[in-house]
PDB file of N, CA and C in Angstrom:
ATOM      1  N   MET A   1      -8.405   6.858  15.470  1.00  0.00           N
ATOM      2  CA  MET A   1      -9.543   7.045  14.478  1.00  0.00           C
ATOM      3  C   MET A   1     -10.465   6.019  14.586  1.00  0.00           C
ATOM      4  N   PRO A   2     -11.757   6.344  14.758  1.00  0.00           N
ATOM      5  CA  PRO A   2     -12.611   5.382  14.859  1.00  0.00           C
ATOM      6  C   PRO A   2     -12.763   4.456  13.519  1.00  0.00           C
ATOM      7  N   ARG A   3     -12.992   3.176  13.894  1.00  0.00           N
ATOM      8  CA  ARG A   3     -12.961   2.138  12.719  1.00  0.00           C
ATOM      9  C   ARG A   3     -14.039   2.398  11.727  1.00  0.00           C
ATOM     10  N   GLY A   4     -15.129   2.988  12.182  1.00  0.00           N
ATOM     11  CA  GLY A   4     -16.054   3.502  10.881  1.00  0.00           C
ATOM     12  C   GLY A   4     -15.417   4.598   9.882  1.00  0.00           C
ATOM     13  N   ASP A   5     -14.335   5.296  10.397  1.00  0.00           N
ATOM     14  CA  ASP A   5     -13.793   6.291   9.617  1.00  0.00           C
ATOM     15  C   ASP A   5     -12.883   5.511   8.615  1.00  0.00           C
ATOM     16  N   ILE A   6     -12.369   4.447   9.066  1.00  0.00           N
ATOM     17  CA  ILE A   6     -11.375   3.782   8.139  1.00  0.00           C
ATOM     18  C   ILE A   6     -12.289   3.134   6.827  1.00  0.00           C
ATOM     19  N   ASP A   7     -13.518   2.551   7.342  1.00  0.00           N
ATOM     20  CA  ASP A   7     -14.217   2.185   6.220  1.00  0.00           C
ATOM     21  C   ASP A   7     -14.895   3.169   5.417  1.00  0.00           C
ATOM     22  N   LYS A   8     -15.225   4.299   6.004  1.00  0.00           N
ATOM     23  CA  LYS A   8     -15.686   5.437   5.081  1.00  0.00           C
ATOM     24  C   LYS A   8     -14.602   5.895   4.160  1.00  0.00           C
ATOM     25  N   ILE A   9     -13.131   6.007   4.513  1.00  0.00           N
ATOM     26  CA  ILE A   9     -12.198   6.539   3.856  1.00  0.00           C
ATOM     27  C   ILE A   9     -11.936   5.430   2.662  1.00  0.00           C
ATOM     28  N   ALA A  10     -11.961   4.236   2.964  1.00  0.00           N
ATOM     29  CA  ALA A  10     -11.742   3.082   1.976  1.00  0.00           C
ATOM     30  C   ALA A  10     -12.725   3.219   0.987  1.00  0.00           C
ATOM     31  N   LYS A  11     -14.012   3.445   1.464  1.00  0.00           N
ATOM     32  CA  LYS A  11     -14.955   3.359   0.285  1.00  0.00           C
ATOM     33  C   LYS A  11     -14.974   4.647  -0.547  1.00  0.00           C
ATOM     34  N   GLU A  12     -14.799   5.832   0.159  1.00  0.00           N
ATOM     35  CA  GLU A  12     -14.629   7.019  -0.578  1.00  0.00           C
ATOM     36  C   GLU A  12     -13.607   7.165  -1.690  1.00  0.00           C
ATOM     37  N   THR A  13     -12.513   6.659  -1.268  1.00  0.00           N
ATOM     38  CA  THR A  13     -11.173   6.600  -1.961  1.00  0.00           C
ATOM     39  C   THR A  13     -10.924   5.385  -3.176  1.00  0.00           C
ATOM     40  N   GLY A  14     -11.710   4.435  -2.974  1.00  0.00           N
ATOM     41  CA  GLY A  14     -11.804   3.221  -3.604  1.00  0.00           C
ATOM     42  C   GLY A  14     -10.427   2.377  -3.307  1.00  0.00           C
ATOM     43  N   PHE A  15     -10.011   2.470  -2.229  1.00  0.00           N
ATOM     44  CA  PHE A  15      -8.933   1.902  -1.615  1.00  0.00           C
ATOM     45  C   PHE A  15      -8.986   0.380  -1.754  1.00  0.00           C
ATOM     46  N   SER A  16      -7.971  -0.360  -2.178  1.00  0.00           N
ATOM     47  CA  SER A  16      -7.901  -1.801  -2.394  1.00  0.00           C
ATOM     48  C   SER A  16      -6.595  -2.241  -1.796  1.00  0.00           C
ATOM     49  N   GLY A  17      -6.622  -2.939  -0.662  1.00  0.00           N
ATOM     50  CA  GLY A  17      -5.634  -3.540   0.160  1.00  0.00           C
ATOM     51  C   GLY A  17      -6.112  -3.853   1.429  1.00  0.00           C
ATOM     52  N   VAL A  18      -5.028  -3.897   2.315  1.00  0.00           N
ATOM     53  CA  VAL A  18      -5.259  -4.234   3.650  1.00  0.00           C
ATOM     54  C   VAL A  18      -4.910  -3.207   4.891  1.00  0.00           C
ATOM     55  N   VAL A  19      -5.660  -3.008   5.792  1.00  0.00           N
ATOM     56  CA  VAL A  19      -5.290  -2.119   6.764  1.00  0.00           C
ATOM     57  C   VAL A  19      -5.156  -2.839   7.956  1.00  0.00           C
ATOM     58  N   TRP A  20      -3.845  -2.906   8.593  1.00  0.00           N
ATOM     59  CA  TRP A  20      -3.672  -3.749   9.632  1.00  0.00           C
ATOM     60  C   TRP A  20      -3.018  -2.667  10.859  1.00  0.00           C
ATOM     61  N   ILE A  21      -3.656  -2.654  11.715  1.00  0.00           N
ATOM     62  CA  ILE A  21      -3.184  -1.713  12.993  1.00  0.00           C
ATOM     63  C   ILE A  21      -2.779  -2.797  14.220  1.00  0.00           C
ATOM     64  N   ASP A  22      -1.647  -2.799  14.503  1.00  0.00           N
ATOM     65  CA  ASP A  22      -1.047  -3.675  15.531  1.00  0.00           C
ATOM     66  C   ASP A  22      -0.223  -2.829  16.564  1.00  0.00           C
ATOM     67  N   ARG A  23      -0.499  -2.976  17.769  1.00  0.00           N
ATOM     68  CA  ARG A  23       0.168  -2.293  18.835  1.00  0.00           C
ATOM     69  C   ARG A  23       0.429  -3.127  19.981  1.00  0.00           C
ATOM     70  N   GLY A  24       1.844  -3.200  20.135  1.00  0.00           N
ATOM     71  CA  GLY A  24       2.357  -4.085  21.358  1.00  0.00           C
ATOM     72  C   GLY A  24       1.939  -5.541  21.096  1.00  0.00           C
ATOM     73  N   GLY A  25       2.026  -5.779  19.898  1.00  0.00           N
ATOM     74  CA  GLY A  25       1.736  -7.401  19.610  1.00  0.00           C
ATOM     75  C   GLY A  25       0.156  -7.504  19.754  1.00  0.00           C
ATOM     76  N   GLN A  26      -0.577  -6.742  19.845  1.00  0.00           N
ATOM     77  CA  GLN A  26      -2.217  -6.884  19.917  1.00  0.00           C
ATOM     78  C   GLN A  26      -2.745  -6.317  18.514  1.00  0.00           C
ATOM     79  N   ILE A  27      -3.457  -7.145  17.865  1.00  0.00           N
ATOM     80  CA  ILE A  27      -4.111  -6.673  16.532  1.00  0.00           C
ATOM     81  C   ILE A  27      -5.344  -5.833  17.142  1.00  0.00           C
ATOM     82  N   GLU A  28      -5.286  -4.465  16.825  1.00  0.00           N
ATOM     83  CA  GLU A  28      -6.455  -3.503  17.171  1.00  0.00           C
ATOM     84  C   GLU A  28      -7.354  -3.558  15.940  1.00  0.00           C
ATOM     85  N   PHE A  29      -6.926  -3.626  14.926  1.00  0.00           N
ATOM     86  CA  PHE A  29      -7.832  -3.483  13.686  1.00  0.00           C
ATOM     87  C   PHE A  29      -7.196  -4.273  12.539  1.00  0.00           C
ATOM     88  N   ALA A  30      -7.814  -5.123  11.708  1.00  0.00           N
ATOM     89  CA  ALA A  30      -7.384  -5.670  10.533  1.00  0.00           C
ATOM     90  C   ALA A  30      -8.601  -5.870   9.582  1.00  0.00           C
ATOM     91  N   LYS A  31      -8.421  -5.206   8.443  1.00  0.00           N
ATOM     92  CA  LYS A  31      -9.587  -5.674   7.507  1.00  0.00           C
ATOM     93  C   LYS A  31      -9.180  -5.442   5.959  1.00  0.00           C
ATOM     94  N   ALA A  32      -9.590  -6.342   5.155  1.00  0.00           N
ATOM     95  CA  ALA A  32      -9.301  -6.312   3.734  1.00  0.00           C
ATOM     96  C   ALA A  32     -10.341  -5.463   2.935  1.00  0.00           C
ATOM     97  N   TYR A  33      -9.810  -4.851   1.994  1.00  0.00           N
ATOM     98  CA  TYR A  33     -10.775  -3.884   1.089  1.00  0.00           C
ATOM     99  C   TYR A  33     -10.393  -4.211  -0.412  1.00  0.00           C
ATOM    100  N   GLY A  34     -11.546  -3.942  -0.987  1.00  0.00           N
ATOM    101  CA  GLY A  34     -11.451  -4.137  -2.599  1.00  0.00           C
ATOM    102  C   GLY A  34     -10.951  -5.462  -3.121  1.00  0.00           C
ATOM    103  N   LEU A  35     -10.485  -5.453  -4.496  1.00  0.00           N
ATOM    104  CA  LEU A  35     -10.088  -6.614  -5.114  1.00  0.00           C
ATOM    105  C   LEU A  35      -8.631  -6.877  -5.189  1.00  0.00           C
ATOM    106  N   ALA A  36      -8.352  -8.250  -5.329  1.00  0.00           N
ATOM    107  CA  ALA A  36      -7.043  -8.616  -5.225  1.00  0.00           C
ATOM    108  C   ALA A  36      -6.770  -8.726  -6.846  1.00  0.00           C
ATOM    109  N   SER A  37      -7.994  -9.198  -7.467  1.00  0.00           N
ATOM    110  CA  SER A  37      -7.812  -9.271  -9.170  1.00  0.00           C
ATOM    111  C   SER A  37      -9.233  -8.743  -9.509  1.00  0.00           C
ATOM    112  N   ARG A  38      -8.987  -7.488 -10.329  1.00  0.00           N
ATOM    113  CA  ARG A  38     -10.095  -6.981 -10.945  1.00  0.00           C
ATOM    114  C   ARG A  38     -10.503  -7.953 -11.970  1.00  0.00           C
ATOM    115  N   THR A  39      -9.627  -8.406 -12.695  1.00  0.00           N
ATOM    116  CA  THR A  39     -10.166  -9.263 -13.940  1.00  0.00           C
ATOM    117  C   THR A  39     -10.963 -10.398 -13.404  1.00  0.00           C
ATOM    118  N   TYR A  40     -10.697 -11.015 -12.444  1.00  0.00           N
ATOM    119  CA  TYR A  40     -11.365 -12.215 -12.019  1.00  0.00           C
ATOM    120  C   TYR A  40     -12.210 -11.954 -10.757  1.00  0.00           C
ATOM    121  N   ARG A  41     -12.365 -10.669 -10.443  1.00  0.00           N
ATOM    122  CA  ARG A  41     -13.259 -10.400  -9.347  1.00  0.00           C
ATOM    123  C   ARG A  41     -12.989 -11.073  -7.958  1.00  0.00           C
ATOM    124  N   VAL A  42     -11.768 -11.178  -7.775  1.00  0.00           N
ATOM    125  CA  VAL A  42     -11.245 -11.965  -6.388  1.00  0.00           C
ATOM    126  C   VAL A  42     -11.148 -10.984  -5.528  1.00  0.00           C
ATOM    127  N   ALA A  43     -11.818 -11.092  -4.221  1.00  0.00           N
ATOM    128  CA  ALA A  43     -11.661 -10.021  -3.198  1.00  0.00           C
ATOM    129  C   ALA A  43     -10.316 -10.247  -2.450  1.00  0.00           C
ATOM    130  N   ASN A  44      -9.706  -9.095  -2.015  1.00  0.00           N
ATOM    131  CA  ASN A  44      -8.593  -9.222  -0.983  1.00  0.00           C
ATOM    132  C   ASN A  44      -9.052  -9.933   0.314  1.00  0.00           C
ATOM    133  N   THR A  45      -8.124 -10.493   0.903  1.00  0.00           N
ATOM    134  CA  THR A  45      -8.350 -10.939   2.281  1.00  0.00           C
ATOM    135  C   THR A  45      -7.135 -10.486   3.110  1.00  0.00           C
ATOM    136  N   LEU A  46      -7.206 -10.772   4.477  1.00  0.00           N
ATOM    137  CA  LEU A  46      -6.067 -10.517   5.298  1.00  0.00           C
ATOM    138  C   LEU A  46      -4.910 -11.362   4.955  1.00  0.00           C
ATOM    139  N   ASP A  47      -5.152 -12.426   4.215  1.00  0.00           N
ATOM    140  CA  ASP A  47      -3.965 -13.281   3.708  1.00  0.00           C
ATOM    141  C   ASP A  47      -3.397 -13.185   2.404  1.00  0.00           C
ATOM    142  N   THR A  48      -4.026 -12.035   1.608  1.00  0.00           N
ATOM    143  CA  THR A  48      -3.562 -11.778   0.162  1.00  0.00           C
ATOM    144  C   THR A  48      -2.098 -11.442   0.108  1.00  0.00           C
ATOM    145  N   ARG A  49      -1.419 -11.822  -0.789  1.00  0.00           N
ATOM    146  CA  ARG A  49      -0.057 -11.662  -0.905  1.00  0.00           C
ATOM    147  C   ARG A  49       0.109 -10.541  -1.881  1.00  0.00           C
ATOM    148  N   PHE A  50       0.660  -9.300  -1.555  1.00  0.00           N
ATOM    149  CA  PHE A  50       0.796  -8.208  -2.381  1.00  0.00           C
ATOM    150  C   PHE A  50       2.241  -8.202  -3.090  1.00  0.00           C
ATOM    151  N   GLY A  51       2.278  -8.053  -4.323  1.00  0.00           N
ATOM    152  CA  GLY A  51       3.587  -7.864  -5.055  1.00  0.00           C
ATOM    153  C   GLY A  51       4.052  -6.620  -5.138  1.00  0.00           C
ATOM    154  N   ILE A  52       4.805  -6.105  -3.962  1.00  0.00           N
ATOM    155  CA  ILE A  52       5.146  -4.796  -3.935  1.00  0.00           C
ATOM    156  C   ILE A  52       6.745  -4.504  -4.066  1.00  0.00           C
ATOM    157  N   ALA A  53       7.494  -5.562  -4.540  1.00  0.00           N
ATOM    158  CA  ALA A  53       8.831  -5.419  -4.404  1.00  0.00           C
ATOM    159  C   ALA A  53       9.477  -4.434  -5.338  1.00  0.00           C
ATOM    160  N   SER A  54       8.759  -4.422  -6.567  1.00  0.00           N
ATOM    161  CA  SER A  54       9.137  -3.266  -7.510  1.00  0.00           C
ATOM    162  C   SER A  54       8.691  -1.945  -6.893  1.00  0.00           C
ATOM    163  N   GLY A  55       7.565  -1.729  -6.306  1.00  0.00           N
ATOM    164  CA  GLY A  55       7.238  -0.719  -5.902  1.00  0.00           C
ATOM    165  C   GLY A  55       8.162   0.147  -4.870  1.00  0.00           C
ATOM    166  N   SER A  56       8.998  -0.773  -4.014  1.00  0.00           N
ATOM    167  CA  SER A  56       9.524  -0.310  -3.054  1.00  0.00           C
ATOM    168  C   SER A  56      11.079   0.152  -3.342  1.00  0.00           C
ATOM    169  N   LYS A  57      11.369  -0.252  -4.735  1.00  0.00           N
ATOM    170  CA  LYS A  57      12.709   0.091  -5.155  1.00  0.00           C
ATOM    171  C   LYS A  57      12.930   1.479  -5.642  1.00  0.00           C
ATOM    172  N   GLY A  58      14.021   2.132  -5.362  1.00  0.00           N
ATOM    173  CA  GLY A  58      14.261   3.398  -5.692  1.00  0.00           C
ATOM    174  C   GLY A  58      14.751   3.393  -7.149  1.00  0.00           C
ATOM    175  N   SER A  59      14.603   4.728  -7.920  1.00  0.00           N
ATOM    176  CA  SER A  59      15.107   4.664  -9.046  1.00  0.00           C
ATOM    177  C   SER A  59      16.563   5.001  -9.131  1.00  0.00           C
ATOM    178  N   PRO A  60      17.332   4.524 -10.138  1.00  0.00           N
ATOM    179  CA  PRO A  60      18.816   4.761 -10.253  1.00  0.00           C
ATOM    180  C   PRO A  60      19.215   6.136 -10.346  1.00  0.00           C
ATOM    181  N   PRO A  61      20.347   6.533  -9.770  1.00  0.00           N
ATOM    182  CA  PRO A  61      20.663   7.865  -9.899  1.00  0.00           C
ATOM    183  C   PRO A  61      20.891   7.974 -11.409  1.00  0.00           C
ATOM    184  N   SER A  62      20.470   9.469 -11.750  1.00  0.00           N
ATOM    185  CA  SER A  62      20.724   9.981 -13.058  1.00  0.00           C
ATOM    186  C   SER A  62      22.291  10.240 -13.154  1.00  0.00           C
ATOM    187  N   PRO A  63      22.728  10.366 -14.466  1.00  0.00           N
ATOM    188  CA  PRO A  63      24.188  10.710 -14.547  1.00  0.00           C
ATOM    189  C   PRO A  63      24.627  12.056 -14.060  1.00  0.00           C
ATOM    190  N   CYS A  64      23.769  12.946 -13.965  1.00  0.00           N
ATOM    191  CA  CYS A  64      23.896  14.328 -13.459  1.00  0.00           C
ATOM    192  C   CYS A  64      24.172  14.315 -11.892  1.00  0.00           C
ATOM    193  N   SER A  65      23.387  13.338 -11.257  1.00  0.00           N
ATOM    194  CA  SER A  65      23.625  13.403  -9.767  1.00  0.00           C
ATOM    195  C   SER A  65      24.929  12.900  -9.331  1.00  0.00           C
ATOM    196  N   ARG A  66      25.697  12.301 -10.095  1.00  0.00           N
ATOM    197  CA  ARG A  66      27.044  11.668  -9.783  1.00  0.00           C
ATOM    198  C   ARG A  66      28.184  12.940 -10.156  1.00  0.00           C
ATOM    199  N   TRP A  67      27.768  14.019 -10.617  1.00  0.00           N
ATOM    200  CA  TRP A  67      28.653  15.072 -11.010  1.00  0.00           C
ATOM    201  C   TRP A  67      28.268  16.397 -10.453  1.00  0.00           C
ATOM    202  N   PRO A  68      29.302  17.263 -10.234  1.00  0.00           N
ATOM    203  CA  PRO A  68      29.009  18.531  -9.632  1.00  0.00           C
ATOM    204  C   PRO A  68      27.928  19.036 -10.621  1.00  0.00           C
ATOM    205  N   ARG A  69      27.151  19.920 -10.022  1.00  0.00           N
ATOM    206  CA  ARG A  69      26.077  20.775 -10.626  1.00  0.00           C
ATOM    207  C   ARG A  69      26.591  21.562 -11.919  1.00  0.00           C
ATOM    208  N   THR A  70      27.936  21.935 -11.947  1.00  0.00           N
ATOM    209  CA  THR A  70      28.438  22.756 -12.936  1.00  0.00           C
ATOM    210  C   THR A  70      28.705  21.849 -14.249  1.00  0.00           C
ATOM    211  N   ALA A  71      28.533  20.439 -14.047  1.00  0.00           N
ATOM    212  CA  ALA A  71      29.172  19.582 -15.267  1.00  0.00           C
ATOM    213  C   ALA A  71      27.674  19.413 -15.894  1.00  0.00           C
ATOM    214  N   CYS A  72      26.643  19.343 -15.210  1.00  0.00           N
ATOM    215  CA  CYS A  72      25.201  19.088 -15.905  1.00  0.00           C
ATOM    216  C   CYS A  72      24.834  20.252 -16.494  1.00  0.00           C
TER     217      CYS A  72
END
């Protein structure tokens, strides 16, 4: 994908974050987009730390997922 396409998609979608493409230990593309803090208007950088721990957690199983379908 041409680098200009990445910029275009980021702009069109309002993407806020970092795009980092690394192949074989070589950085092919790295760029930050949008704001790290909308409140304080602080821009994202390549060094911005993102709080994603909760976003990567799965939800706990529902009680019905532990029982045979006929029990729910």
